[in-house]
């Protein structure tokens, strides 16, 4: 019986809270400001009228927000499924739809960039390919700006600058940042070593290849690092 009384008290409290005078007051004031641009004075009666309407619409408003959340999740999931099947055009469009709902989600920009990047490199038209690759760069940069601790776009930007956009030296800062976190990523270390060689920083490249040899258990990475080290030694003599 005590449990039932407590439950009744809680429900009563919640009901009273939902009917409190200040409920939706802030939202009503914000709606009023939207509808009365340039007005310097508040109309309390008008704000009360708006608040009453918001209270009547509350379920519909919450249902609409929930529906948008579910729609966003649907397009995120659909985009990832398209990626699994290498259907990059539909994947990019799905991520774009999700971005319309949550435009500050860094990972959506990253995945859209990956999808559009895979499309771009398959183009025969050089102008179209260049335009699409610049769009990919923009998405990766947006991802970095929104979530600086999300590492994949840093590596993807480096690859984009080195292999696709012909601006290899712009990759260095992104590889630096990526390797601060992903310190034992063999492919990134190999890429960074080659970039340092291009920049004439052979001693640093040697350090990178030696670091890779001490870290990796993958035979292919070990062999590649050894080849690069031998190349630097031969060029030094």
Protein backbone atom coordinates (compact mmCIF):
# COMPACT_ATOMS: atom_id res chain seq x y z
CA UNK A 1 0.00 0.00 0.00
CA UNK A 2 2.84 2.38 0.79
CA UNK A 3 4.28 1.81 -2.67
CA UNK A 4 0.91 2.64 -4.26
CA UNK A 5 0.63 5.87 -2.21
CA UNK A 6 4.14 6.90 -3.24
CA UNK A 7 3.35 6.21 -6.89
CA UNK A 8 0.16 8.28 -6.66
CA UNK A 9 2.07 11.15 -5.08
CA UNK A 10 4.71 11.04 -7.81
CA UNK A 11 2.08 11.04 -10.56
CA UNK A 12 0.25 13.92 -8.89
CA UNK A 13 3.50 15.89 -8.63
CA UNK A 14 4.30 15.29 -12.28
CA UNK A 15 0.79 16.36 -13.30
CA UNK A 16 1.08 19.56 -11.28
CA UNK A 17 4.51 20.24 -12.78
CA UNK A 18 3.14 19.82 -16.29
CA UNK A 19 0.43 22.38 -15.48
CA UNK A 20 2.74 24.90 -13.82
CA UNK A 21 2.16 28.52 -14.90
CA UNK A 22 5.61 28.86 -16.48
CA UNK A 23 5.19 25.82 -18.73
CA UNK A 24 6.27 26.66 -22.30
CA UNK A 25 6.60 30.35 -21.37
CA UNK A 26 10.14 30.59 -22.78
CA UNK A 27 9.11 28.94 -26.05
CA UNK A 28 6.09 31.24 -26.34
CA UNK A 29 8.34 34.28 -25.89
CA UNK A 30 10.67 33.03 -28.62
CA UNK A 31 7.74 32.46 -30.99
CA UNK A 32 6.48 35.95 -30.17
CA UNK A 33 9.89 37.40 -31.09
CA UNK A 34 9.78 35.57 -34.43
CA UNK A 35 6.37 37.00 -35.20
CA UNK A 36 7.07 40.56 -34.05
CA UNK A 37 10.39 41.48 -35.63
CA UNK A 38 11.33 45.08 -34.91
CA UNK A 39 8.95 45.43 -31.96
CA UNK A 40 10.65 46.75 -28.84
CA UNK A 41 7.78 46.03 -26.43
CA UNK A 42 6.29 42.74 -25.33
CA UNK A 43 2.56 42.06 -25.42
CA UNK A 44 1.90 39.80 -22.38
CA UNK A 45 -1.58 38.91 -23.58
CA UNK A 46 -0.28 37.81 -26.98
CA UNK A 47 2.45 35.71 -25.31
CA UNK A 48 -0.18 34.01 -23.11
CA UNK A 49 -2.23 33.23 -26.21
CA UNK A 50 0.78 31.67 -27.92
CA UNK A 51 1.60 29.66 -24.79
CA UNK A 52 -1.91 28.22 -24.67
CA UNK A 53 -1.63 27.15 -28.30
CA UNK A 54 1.75 25.52 -27.65
CA UNK A 55 0.26 23.64 -24.68
CA UNK A 56 -2.54 22.35 -26.95
CA UNK A 57 -0.01 21.30 -29.61
CA UNK A 58 2.48 19.73 -27.20
CA UNK A 59 1.80 16.11 -28.16
CA UNK A 60 1.87 16.90 -31.87
CA UNK A 61 5.10 18.88 -31.47
CA UNK A 62 6.79 16.05 -29.58
CA UNK A 63 5.51 13.49 -32.07
CA UNK A 64 6.97 15.55 -34.92
CA UNK A 65 10.35 15.74 -33.19
CA UNK A 66 10.35 11.98 -32.57
CA UNK A 67 9.40 11.36 -36.20
CA UNK A 68 12.30 13.52 -37.38
CA UNK A 69 14.69 11.62 -35.11
CA UNK A 70 13.50 8.30 -36.51
CA UNK A 71 13.71 9.63 -40.07
CA UNK A 72 17.29 10.73 -39.46
CA UNK A 73 18.20 7.32 -38.09
CA UNK A 74 16.55 5.65 -41.08
CA UNK A 75 18.68 7.62 -43.55
CA UNK A 76 21.86 7.02 -41.54
CA UNK A 77 21.16 3.30 -41.56
CA UNK A 78 20.21 3.30 -45.23
CA UNK A 79 23.39 5.17 -46.13
CA UNK A 80 25.54 2.64 -44.30
CA UNK A 81 23.71 -0.27 -45.94
CA UNK A 82 24.25 1.29 -49.36
CA UNK A 83 27.96 1.61 -48.53
CA UNK A 84 28.06 -2.10 -47.64
CA UNK A 85 26.79 -2.87 -51.14
CA UNK A 86 29.13 -0.31 -52.77
CA UNK A 87 26.13 1.73 -53.95
CA UNK A 88 27.91 5.03 -53.42
CA UNK A 89 25.54 7.41 -55.18
CA UNK A 90 22.47 6.37 -53.17
CA UNK A 91 24.65 6.27 -50.03
CA UNK A 92 25.73 9.88 -50.53
CA UNK A 93 22.13 10.97 -51.08
CA UNK A 94 21.00 9.16 -47.93
CA UNK A 95 23.69 10.86 -45.85
CA UNK A 96 22.63 14.19 -47.35
CA UNK A 97 19.06 13.56 -46.19
CA UNK A 98 20.32 12.75 -42.70
CA UNK A 99 22.43 15.95 -42.72
CA UNK A 100 19.27 17.96 -43.42
CA UNK A 101 17.94 16.71 -40.08
CA UNK A 102 21.16 16.85 -38.01
CA UNK A 103 23.50 19.26 -39.82
CA UNK A 104 26.11 19.33 -37.05
CA UNK A 105 26.86 15.60 -37.11
CA UNK A 106 30.51 15.37 -38.20
CA UNK A 107 30.34 11.70 -39.07
CA UNK A 108 27.60 12.19 -41.62
CA UNK A 109 29.83 14.61 -43.54
CA UNK A 110 32.70 12.13 -43.33
CA UNK A 111 30.65 9.23 -44.69
CA UNK A 112 29.15 11.39 -47.42
CA UNK A 113 32.69 12.42 -48.35
CA UNK A 114 33.79 8.78 -48.53
CA UNK A 115 30.83 7.86 -50.74
CA UNK A 116 31.31 10.83 -53.07
CA UNK A 117 35.05 10.19 -53.16
CA UNK A 118 34.49 6.65 -54.40
CA UNK A 119 32.19 8.05 -57.08
CA UNK A 120 34.61 10.81 -58.09
CA UNK A 121 37.62 8.57 -58.71
CA UNK A 122 35.54 6.52 -61.16
CA UNK A 123 34.71 9.52 -63.37
CA UNK A 124 36.10 9.76 -66.90
CA UNK A 125 35.32 13.47 -67.14
CA UNK A 126 38.31 15.28 -65.59
CA UNK A 127 36.36 18.48 -64.86
CA UNK A 128 33.54 16.62 -63.14
CA UNK A 129 36.04 14.54 -61.19
CA UNK A 130 37.90 17.65 -59.98
CA UNK A 131 34.67 19.36 -58.89
CA UNK A 132 33.49 16.30 -57.00
CA UNK A 133 36.85 15.85 -55.26
CA UNK A 134 36.70 19.45 -54.05
CA UNK A 135 33.25 18.67 -52.64
CA UNK A 136 34.76 15.65 -50.85
CA UNK A 137 37.49 17.87 -49.40
CA UNK A 138 34.82 20.27 -48.14
CA UNK A 139 32.95 17.44 -46.38
CA UNK A 140 36.11 16.13 -44.69
CA UNK A 141 37.05 19.62 -43.52
CA UNK A 142 33.54 20.14 -42.19
CA UNK A 143 33.80 16.87 -40.28
CA UNK A 144 37.10 17.96 -38.74
CA UNK A 145 35.70 21.34 -37.74
CA UNK A 146 32.68 19.76 -36.05
CA UNK A 147 34.42 16.94 -34.18
CA UNK A 148 38.15 17.45 -33.84
CA UNK A 149 38.68 14.16 -31.98
CA UNK A 150 37.12 12.06 -34.76
CA UNK A 151 40.23 10.81 -36.56
CA UNK A 152 39.17 9.14 -39.86
CA UNK A 153 38.71 12.41 -41.81
CA UNK A 154 42.28 13.46 -40.98
CA UNK A 155 43.67 10.38 -42.67
CA UNK A 156 41.20 10.66 -45.54
CA UNK A 157 42.20 14.29 -46.13
CA UNK A 158 45.86 13.27 -46.29
CA UNK A 159 45.11 10.57 -48.87
CA UNK A 160 42.97 13.02 -50.85
CA UNK A 161 45.71 15.67 -50.95
CA UNK A 162 48.48 13.24 -51.83
CA UNK A 163 46.81 11.00 -54.39
CA UNK A 164 43.89 12.94 -55.86
CA UNK A 165 44.26 16.71 -55.53
CA UNK A 166 47.99 16.97 -56.22
CA UNK A 167 48.61 19.04 -53.08
CA UNK A 168 50.70 16.58 -51.06
CA UNK A 169 52.35 19.03 -48.68
CA UNK A 170 48.93 20.03 -47.32
CA UNK A 171 48.62 16.47 -46.01
CA UNK A 172 51.40 16.80 -43.43
CA UNK A 173 49.44 18.59 -40.70
CA UNK A 174 46.54 16.14 -40.99
CA UNK A 175 48.81 13.11 -40.79
CA UNK A 176 50.55 14.68 -37.79
CA UNK A 177 47.23 15.09 -36.04
CA UNK A 178 46.05 11.62 -37.00
CA UNK A 179 49.24 9.93 -35.74
CA UNK A 180 49.07 11.76 -32.43
CA UNK A 181 46.11 9.51 -31.68
CA UNK A 182 46.51 6.51 -34.00
CA UNK A 183 50.21 6.05 -33.23
CA UNK A 184 50.56 2.50 -34.48
CA UNK A 185 48.56 2.74 -37.71
CA UNK A 186 50.97 1.14 -40.19
CA UNK A 187 49.39 2.47 -43.37
CA UNK A 188 49.45 6.04 -42.00
CA UNK A 189 53.09 5.69 -40.92
CA UNK A 190 54.08 4.42 -44.37
CA UNK A 191 52.18 7.27 -46.02
CA UNK A 192 53.77 9.83 -43.71
CA UNK A 193 57.26 8.46 -44.33
CA UNK A 194 56.80 8.77 -48.09
CA UNK A 195 55.48 12.29 -47.69
CA UNK A 196 58.48 13.29 -45.57
CA UNK A 197 60.77 11.93 -48.29
CA UNK A 198 58.99 14.10 -50.87
CA UNK A 199 59.51 17.08 -48.60
CA UNK A 200 63.24 16.36 -48.37
CA UNK A 201 63.05 15.34 -44.71
CA UNK A 202 64.83 12.01 -45.09
CA UNK A 203 66.05 11.69 -41.51
CA UNK A 204 62.52 12.10 -40.19
CA UNK A 205 61.30 9.56 -42.74
CA UNK A 206 63.91 7.09 -41.50
CA UNK A 207 62.65 7.58 -37.95
CA UNK A 208 59.09 6.91 -39.08
CA UNK A 209 60.04 3.69 -40.92
CA UNK A 210 62.05 2.45 -37.94
CA UNK A 211 59.16 3.23 -35.64
CA UNK A 212 56.86 1.23 -37.89
CA UNK A 213 59.25 -1.75 -37.83
CA UNK A 214 59.20 -1.69 -34.03
CA UNK A 215 55.42 -1.54 -33.86
CA UNK A 216 53.90 -3.68 -36.59
CA UNK A 217 53.45 -7.42 -36.74
CA UNK A 218 52.20 -7.30 -40.32
CA UNK A 219 54.75 -8.77 -42.68
CA UNK A 220 53.65 -6.64 -45.64
CA UNK A 221 54.14 -3.42 -43.64
CA UNK A 222 57.52 -4.60 -42.36
CA UNK A 223 58.69 -5.43 -45.88
CA UNK A 224 57.49 -2.09 -47.25
CA UNK A 225 59.21 -0.12 -44.49
CA UNK A 226 62.43 -2.06 -45.11
CA UNK A 227 62.25 -1.29 -48.83
CA UNK A 228 61.82 2.42 -48.13
CA UNK A 229 64.68 2.44 -45.65
CA UNK A 230 66.95 0.75 -48.16
CA UNK A 231 65.94 3.27 -50.81
CA UNK A 232 66.92 6.17 -48.55
CA UNK A 233 70.28 4.54 -47.76
CA UNK A 234 71.01 3.99 -51.46
CA UNK A 235 70.12 7.60 -52.33
CA UNK A 236 72.42 8.84 -49.57
CA UNK A 237 75.49 7.27 -51.25
